[in-house]
């Protein structure tokens, strides 16, 4: 991805959550993107981990659609009381923007936590 495409896209993400879920400022997201781009050869398989209330599971799974993954690349474990589930998804990502988009969409689900 060239720098001009990256900088134009970053303007699209000014509404990224900054309420402390994964980072507390826009600067955190900028640094996270830079780290992903510095340390990752795209495309790659990226591992996402989330905890969500049981009723958010299907909505979370919908986010993963469109990213190649096999059954063994999606693991769901229920909490001891069954109120929460942990989800580990190994998804094929083409860029840091795709990774950040998954996080953006996940944060739209009530009470989701990224690990």
N, C-alpha and C. Protein backbone atom coordinates (compact mmCIF):
# COMPACT_ATOMS: atom_id res chain seq x y z
N UNK A 1 0.86 -1.16 0.00
CA UNK A 1 0.00 0.00 0.00
C UNK A 1 0.90 1.22 0.00
N UNK A 2 0.62 2.20 -0.85
CA UNK A 2 1.46 3.39 -0.87
C UNK A 2 1.01 4.37 0.22
N UNK A 3 1.89 5.30 0.53
CA UNK A 3 1.64 6.22 1.64
C UNK A 3 0.42 7.09 1.40
N UNK A 4 0.17 7.47 0.16
CA UNK A 4 -0.98 8.34 -0.10
C UNK A 4 -2.28 7.61 0.18
N UNK A 5 -2.36 6.33 -0.17
CA UNK A 5 -3.57 5.58 0.11
C UNK A 5 -3.76 5.42 1.61
N UNK A 6 -2.66 5.21 2.33
CA UNK A 6 -2.75 5.04 3.77
C UNK A 6 -3.21 6.32 4.46
N UNK A 7 -2.65 7.45 4.06
CA UNK A 7 -3.02 8.70 4.73
C UNK A 7 -4.45 9.10 4.42
N UNK A 8 -4.93 8.81 3.23
CA UNK A 8 -6.31 9.16 2.93
C UNK A 8 -7.27 8.29 3.71
N UNK A 9 -6.88 7.03 3.94
CA UNK A 9 -7.77 6.15 4.69
C UNK A 9 -7.80 6.52 6.17
N UNK A 10 -6.69 6.99 6.69
CA UNK A 10 -6.67 7.32 8.11
C UNK A 10 -7.70 8.39 8.46
N UNK A 11 -8.01 9.27 7.52
CA UNK A 11 -9.04 10.28 7.77
C UNK A 11 -10.41 9.64 7.92
N UNK A 12 -10.61 8.46 7.29
CA UNK A 12 -11.89 7.78 7.37
C UNK A 12 -12.13 7.20 8.76
N UNK A 13 -11.08 7.06 9.56
CA UNK A 13 -11.21 6.40 10.84
C UNK A 13 -11.15 7.36 12.02
N UNK A 14 -11.46 8.62 11.80
CA UNK A 14 -11.42 9.58 12.89
C UNK A 14 -12.45 9.29 13.97
N UNK A 15 -13.45 8.46 13.65
CA UNK A 15 -14.47 8.14 14.64
C UNK A 15 -14.17 6.84 15.37
N UNK A 16 -12.94 6.32 15.25
CA UNK A 16 -12.56 5.10 15.93
C UNK A 16 -12.78 5.29 17.43
N UNK A 17 -13.28 4.27 18.13
CA UNK A 17 -13.58 4.41 19.55
C UNK A 17 -12.35 4.83 20.33
N UNK A 18 -12.52 5.79 21.22
CA UNK A 18 -11.40 6.24 22.04
C UNK A 18 -11.79 6.25 23.51
N UNK A 19 -12.73 5.38 23.87
CA UNK A 19 -13.21 5.39 25.25
C UNK A 19 -12.51 4.36 26.13
N UNK A 20 -11.32 3.95 25.75
CA UNK A 20 -10.54 3.07 26.61
C UNK A 20 -10.71 1.60 26.33
N UNK A 21 -11.48 1.24 25.32
CA UNK A 21 -11.66 -0.19 25.07
C UNK A 21 -10.35 -0.85 24.68
N UNK A 22 -9.73 -0.38 23.62
CA UNK A 22 -8.44 -0.95 23.24
C UNK A 22 -7.35 0.09 23.33
N UNK A 23 -7.69 1.31 23.23
CA UNK A 23 -6.75 2.40 23.34
C UNK A 23 -7.51 3.63 23.76
N UNK A 24 -6.81 4.55 24.36
CA UNK A 24 -7.54 5.68 24.92
C UNK A 24 -7.46 6.93 24.06
N UNK A 25 -6.83 6.84 22.90
CA UNK A 25 -6.72 8.04 22.08
C UNK A 25 -6.56 7.66 20.61
N UNK A 26 -6.81 8.65 19.76
CA UNK A 26 -6.57 8.43 18.34
C UNK A 26 -5.11 8.12 18.09
N UNK A 27 -4.24 8.71 18.89
CA UNK A 27 -2.80 8.47 18.74
C UNK A 27 -2.48 6.98 18.93
N UNK A 28 -3.17 6.32 19.86
CA UNK A 28 -2.95 4.90 20.10
C UNK A 28 -3.22 4.11 18.82
N UNK A 29 -4.33 4.44 18.15
CA UNK A 29 -4.70 3.72 16.92
C UNK A 29 -3.68 3.98 15.81
N UNK A 30 -3.20 5.21 15.71
CA UNK A 30 -2.19 5.54 14.70
C UNK A 30 -0.93 4.72 14.95
N UNK A 31 -0.51 4.67 16.21
CA UNK A 31 0.69 3.90 16.56
C UNK A 31 0.48 2.41 16.34
N UNK A 32 -0.71 1.91 16.64
CA UNK A 32 -1.01 0.50 16.42
C UNK A 32 -0.93 0.17 14.93
N UNK A 33 -1.50 1.02 14.08
CA UNK A 33 -1.44 0.80 12.64
C UNK A 33 0.01 0.80 12.16
N UNK A 34 0.78 1.77 12.63
CA UNK A 34 2.19 1.85 12.23
C UNK A 34 2.94 0.59 12.65
N UNK A 35 2.68 0.11 13.86
CA UNK A 35 3.33 -1.10 14.34
C UNK A 35 2.95 -2.31 13.49
N UNK A 36 1.67 -2.42 13.17
CA UNK A 36 1.23 -3.52 12.31
C UNK A 36 1.95 -3.48 10.97
N UNK A 37 2.05 -2.29 10.38
CA UNK A 37 2.69 -2.17 9.07
C UNK A 37 4.19 -2.43 9.13
N UNK A 38 4.82 -2.03 10.23
CA UNK A 38 6.26 -2.25 10.37
C UNK A 38 6.59 -3.72 10.61
N UNK A 39 5.75 -4.42 11.35
CA UNK A 39 6.07 -5.77 11.80
C UNK A 39 5.41 -6.88 11.00
N UNK A 40 4.57 -6.54 10.05
CA UNK A 40 3.77 -7.56 9.37
C UNK A 40 4.00 -7.53 7.87
N UNK A 41 4.17 -8.71 7.29
CA UNK A 41 4.20 -8.85 5.84
C UNK A 41 2.79 -9.22 5.39
N UNK A 42 2.16 -8.31 4.66
CA UNK A 42 0.78 -8.52 4.21
C UNK A 42 0.78 -9.24 2.88
N UNK A 43 -0.20 -10.09 2.62
CA UNK A 43 -1.27 -10.55 3.51
C UNK A 43 -0.72 -11.53 4.55
N UNK A 44 -1.49 -11.70 5.61
CA UNK A 44 -1.09 -12.59 6.70
C UNK A 44 -2.32 -13.13 7.41
N UNK A 45 -2.10 -14.14 8.23
CA UNK A 45 -3.15 -14.62 9.11
C UNK A 45 -2.99 -13.89 10.43
N UNK A 46 -4.04 -13.20 10.86
CA UNK A 46 -4.01 -12.39 12.08
C UNK A 46 -4.96 -13.02 13.10
N UNK A 47 -4.52 -13.11 14.33
CA UNK A 47 -5.34 -13.70 15.38
C UNK A 47 -6.04 -12.62 16.20
N UNK A 48 -7.36 -12.70 16.22
CA UNK A 48 -8.20 -11.80 17.01
C UNK A 48 -8.73 -12.58 18.20
N UNK A 49 -8.82 -11.93 19.36
CA UNK A 49 -9.42 -12.55 20.53
C UNK A 49 -10.39 -11.55 21.15
N UNK A 50 -11.60 -12.03 21.39
CA UNK A 50 -12.64 -11.19 21.97
C UNK A 50 -13.37 -11.95 23.07
N UNK A 51 -13.93 -11.21 24.00
CA UNK A 51 -14.89 -11.75 24.96
C UNK A 51 -16.16 -10.94 24.76
N UNK A 52 -17.28 -11.65 24.70
CA UNK A 52 -18.56 -10.99 24.48
C UNK A 52 -19.65 -11.71 25.26
N UNK A 53 -20.70 -11.01 25.65
CA UNK A 53 -21.84 -11.72 26.22
C UNK A 53 -22.36 -12.73 25.20
N UNK A 54 -22.95 -13.79 25.68
CA UNK A 54 -23.45 -14.86 24.80
C UNK A 54 -24.30 -14.30 23.66
N UNK A 55 -25.14 -13.30 23.95
CA UNK A 55 -26.03 -12.79 22.91
C UNK A 55 -25.32 -11.94 21.86
N UNK A 56 -24.03 -11.67 22.01
CA UNK A 56 -23.27 -10.94 20.99
C UNK A 56 -22.48 -11.84 20.06
N UNK A 57 -22.54 -13.16 20.30
CA UNK A 57 -21.71 -14.09 19.53
C UNK A 57 -22.02 -14.06 18.03
N UNK A 58 -23.27 -14.16 17.67
CA UNK A 58 -23.61 -14.21 16.24
C UNK A 58 -23.21 -12.92 15.54
N UNK A 59 -23.42 -11.79 16.20
CA UNK A 59 -23.03 -10.51 15.62
C UNK A 59 -21.52 -10.44 15.42
N UNK A 60 -20.77 -10.97 16.38
CA UNK A 60 -19.32 -11.00 16.26
C UNK A 60 -18.89 -11.91 15.11
N UNK A 61 -19.52 -13.06 14.98
CA UNK A 61 -19.19 -13.99 13.88
C UNK A 61 -19.44 -13.35 12.52
N UNK A 62 -20.48 -12.51 12.42
CA UNK A 62 -20.78 -11.84 11.15
C UNK A 62 -19.63 -10.96 10.69
N UNK A 63 -18.90 -10.39 11.64
CA UNK A 63 -17.76 -9.54 11.29
C UNK A 63 -16.70 -10.35 10.56
N UNK A 64 -16.56 -11.63 10.92
CA UNK A 64 -15.52 -12.46 10.34
C UNK A 64 -15.85 -12.95 8.94
N UNK A 65 -17.11 -12.84 8.53
CA UNK A 65 -17.50 -13.28 7.18
C UNK A 65 -16.73 -12.48 6.14
N UNK A 66 -16.34 -13.13 5.08
CA UNK A 66 -15.59 -12.46 4.03
C UNK A 66 -14.08 -12.56 4.21
N UNK A 67 -13.66 -13.14 5.33
CA UNK A 67 -12.23 -13.36 5.56
C UNK A 67 -12.03 -14.87 5.64
N UNK A 68 -11.23 -15.43 4.72
CA UNK A 68 -11.05 -16.88 4.69
C UNK A 68 -10.65 -17.44 6.06
N UNK A 69 -11.42 -18.39 6.53
CA UNK A 69 -11.11 -19.06 7.79
C UNK A 69 -11.78 -20.43 7.76
N UNK A 70 -11.11 -21.40 8.31
CA UNK A 70 -11.70 -22.73 8.40
C UNK A 70 -12.33 -22.89 9.78
N UNK A 71 -13.01 -24.01 9.98
CA UNK A 71 -13.64 -24.27 11.28
C UNK A 71 -12.62 -24.23 12.41
N UNK A 72 -11.43 -24.79 12.16
CA UNK A 72 -10.43 -24.79 13.22
C UNK A 72 -9.81 -23.42 13.45
N UNK A 73 -10.08 -22.46 12.56
CA UNK A 73 -9.58 -21.10 12.73
C UNK A 73 -10.53 -20.22 13.53
N UNK A 74 -11.65 -20.77 13.96
CA UNK A 74 -12.61 -20.04 14.79
C UNK A 74 -12.94 -20.90 16.01
N UNK A 75 -12.49 -20.45 17.16
CA UNK A 75 -12.72 -21.19 18.39
C UNK A 75 -13.59 -20.36 19.33
N UNK A 76 -14.63 -21.01 19.86
CA UNK A 76 -15.56 -20.35 20.77
C UNK A 76 -15.62 -21.18 22.05
N UNK A 77 -15.42 -20.52 23.18
CA UNK A 77 -15.49 -21.19 24.48
C UNK A 77 -16.43 -20.40 25.38
N UNK A 78 -17.33 -21.12 26.02
CA UNK A 78 -18.28 -20.48 26.94
C UNK A 78 -17.67 -20.36 28.32
N UNK A 79 -18.08 -19.32 29.04
CA UNK A 79 -17.67 -19.17 30.44
C UNK A 79 -18.35 -20.25 31.28
N UNK A 80 -17.91 -20.41 32.50
CA UNK A 80 -18.44 -21.49 33.35
C UNK A 80 -19.95 -21.37 33.56
N UNK A 81 -20.47 -20.16 33.63
CA UNK A 81 -21.91 -19.98 33.80
C UNK A 81 -22.64 -19.81 32.47
N UNK A 82 -21.89 -19.72 31.37
CA UNK A 82 -22.51 -19.61 30.06
C UNK A 82 -22.98 -18.22 29.69
N UNK A 83 -22.64 -17.23 30.50
CA UNK A 83 -23.08 -15.86 30.20
C UNK A 83 -22.21 -15.19 29.15
N UNK A 84 -20.96 -15.58 29.08
CA UNK A 84 -19.99 -14.97 28.17
C UNK A 84 -19.33 -16.04 27.32
N UNK A 85 -18.79 -15.61 26.19
CA UNK A 85 -18.00 -16.50 25.35
C UNK A 85 -16.70 -15.80 24.99
N UNK A 86 -15.65 -16.59 24.88
CA UNK A 86 -14.40 -16.07 24.33
C UNK A 86 -14.31 -16.59 22.91
N UNK A 87 -13.88 -15.73 22.03
CA UNK A 87 -13.80 -16.06 20.61
C UNK A 87 -12.38 -15.78 20.14
N UNK A 88 -11.76 -16.79 19.54
CA UNK A 88 -10.46 -16.64 18.91
C UNK A 88 -10.67 -16.91 17.43
N UNK A 89 -10.29 -15.96 16.60
CA UNK A 89 -10.47 -16.10 15.16
C UNK A 89 -9.15 -15.82 14.45
N UNK A 90 -8.70 -16.77 13.66
CA UNK A 90 -7.51 -16.58 12.83
C UNK A 90 -8.01 -16.28 11.42
N UNK A 91 -7.85 -15.02 11.01
CA UNK A 91 -8.42 -14.56 9.75
C UNK A 91 -7.33 -14.08 8.80
N UNK A 92 -7.58 -14.26 7.52
CA UNK A 92 -6.66 -13.78 6.49
C UNK A 92 -6.90 -12.28 6.30
N UNK A 93 -5.88 -11.49 6.55
CA UNK A 93 -5.96 -10.03 6.44
C UNK A 93 -4.97 -9.56 5.38
N UNK A 94 -5.40 -8.57 4.59
CA UNK A 94 -4.56 -8.03 3.52
C UNK A 94 -3.84 -6.75 3.91
N UNK A 95 -4.24 -6.12 5.01
CA UNK A 95 -3.63 -4.85 5.39
C UNK A 95 -3.98 -4.51 6.83
N UNK A 96 -3.26 -3.54 7.37
CA UNK A 96 -3.57 -3.06 8.72
C UNK A 96 -4.97 -2.43 8.75
N UNK A 97 -5.38 -1.82 7.65
CA UNK A 97 -6.72 -1.22 7.60
C UNK A 97 -7.80 -2.28 7.81
N UNK A 98 -7.60 -3.47 7.24
CA UNK A 98 -8.58 -4.54 7.44
C UNK A 98 -8.62 -4.98 8.90
N UNK A 99 -7.46 -5.06 9.54
CA UNK A 99 -7.40 -5.43 10.95
C UNK A 99 -8.16 -4.39 11.78
N UNK A 100 -7.88 -3.12 11.55
CA UNK A 100 -8.54 -2.07 12.32
C UNK A 100 -10.03 -2.03 12.05
N UNK A 101 -10.44 -2.38 10.84
CA UNK A 101 -11.87 -2.42 10.53
C UNK A 101 -12.58 -3.49 11.36
N UNK A 102 -11.93 -4.64 11.55
CA UNK A 102 -12.54 -5.69 12.38
C UNK A 102 -12.73 -5.17 13.80
N UNK A 103 -11.70 -4.52 14.34
CA UNK A 103 -11.83 -3.95 15.69
C UNK A 103 -12.93 -2.89 15.74
N UNK A 104 -12.98 -2.01 14.74
CA UNK A 104 -14.02 -0.98 14.70
C UNK A 104 -15.41 -1.60 14.76
N UNK A 105 -15.61 -2.62 13.94
CA UNK A 105 -16.93 -3.26 13.89
C UNK A 105 -17.24 -4.00 15.18
N UNK A 106 -16.23 -4.63 15.76
CA UNK A 106 -16.44 -5.36 17.02
C UNK A 106 -16.86 -4.42 18.13
N UNK A 107 -16.29 -3.22 18.16
CA UNK A 107 -16.61 -2.27 19.23
C UNK A 107 -18.02 -1.71 19.11
N UNK A 108 -18.70 -2.00 18.01
CA UNK A 108 -20.10 -1.60 17.89
C UNK A 108 -21.02 -2.56 18.65
N UNK A 109 -20.49 -3.71 19.06
CA UNK A 109 -21.26 -4.70 19.81
C UNK A 109 -21.18 -4.33 21.29
N UNK A 110 -22.32 -4.29 21.95
CA UNK A 110 -22.36 -3.94 23.37
C UNK A 110 -21.51 -4.89 24.20
N UNK A 111 -20.67 -4.33 25.05
CA UNK A 111 -19.90 -5.06 26.06
C UNK A 111 -18.84 -6.01 25.49
N UNK A 112 -18.43 -5.83 24.25
CA UNK A 112 -17.36 -6.67 23.71
C UNK A 112 -16.02 -6.16 24.25
N UNK A 113 -15.11 -7.09 24.49
CA UNK A 113 -13.77 -6.76 24.96
C UNK A 113 -12.78 -7.42 24.02
N UNK A 114 -11.81 -6.65 23.55
CA UNK A 114 -10.73 -7.20 22.73
C UNK A 114 -9.56 -7.52 23.63
N UNK A 115 -8.95 -8.65 23.39
CA UNK A 115 -7.78 -9.05 24.18
C UNK A 115 -6.52 -8.95 23.35
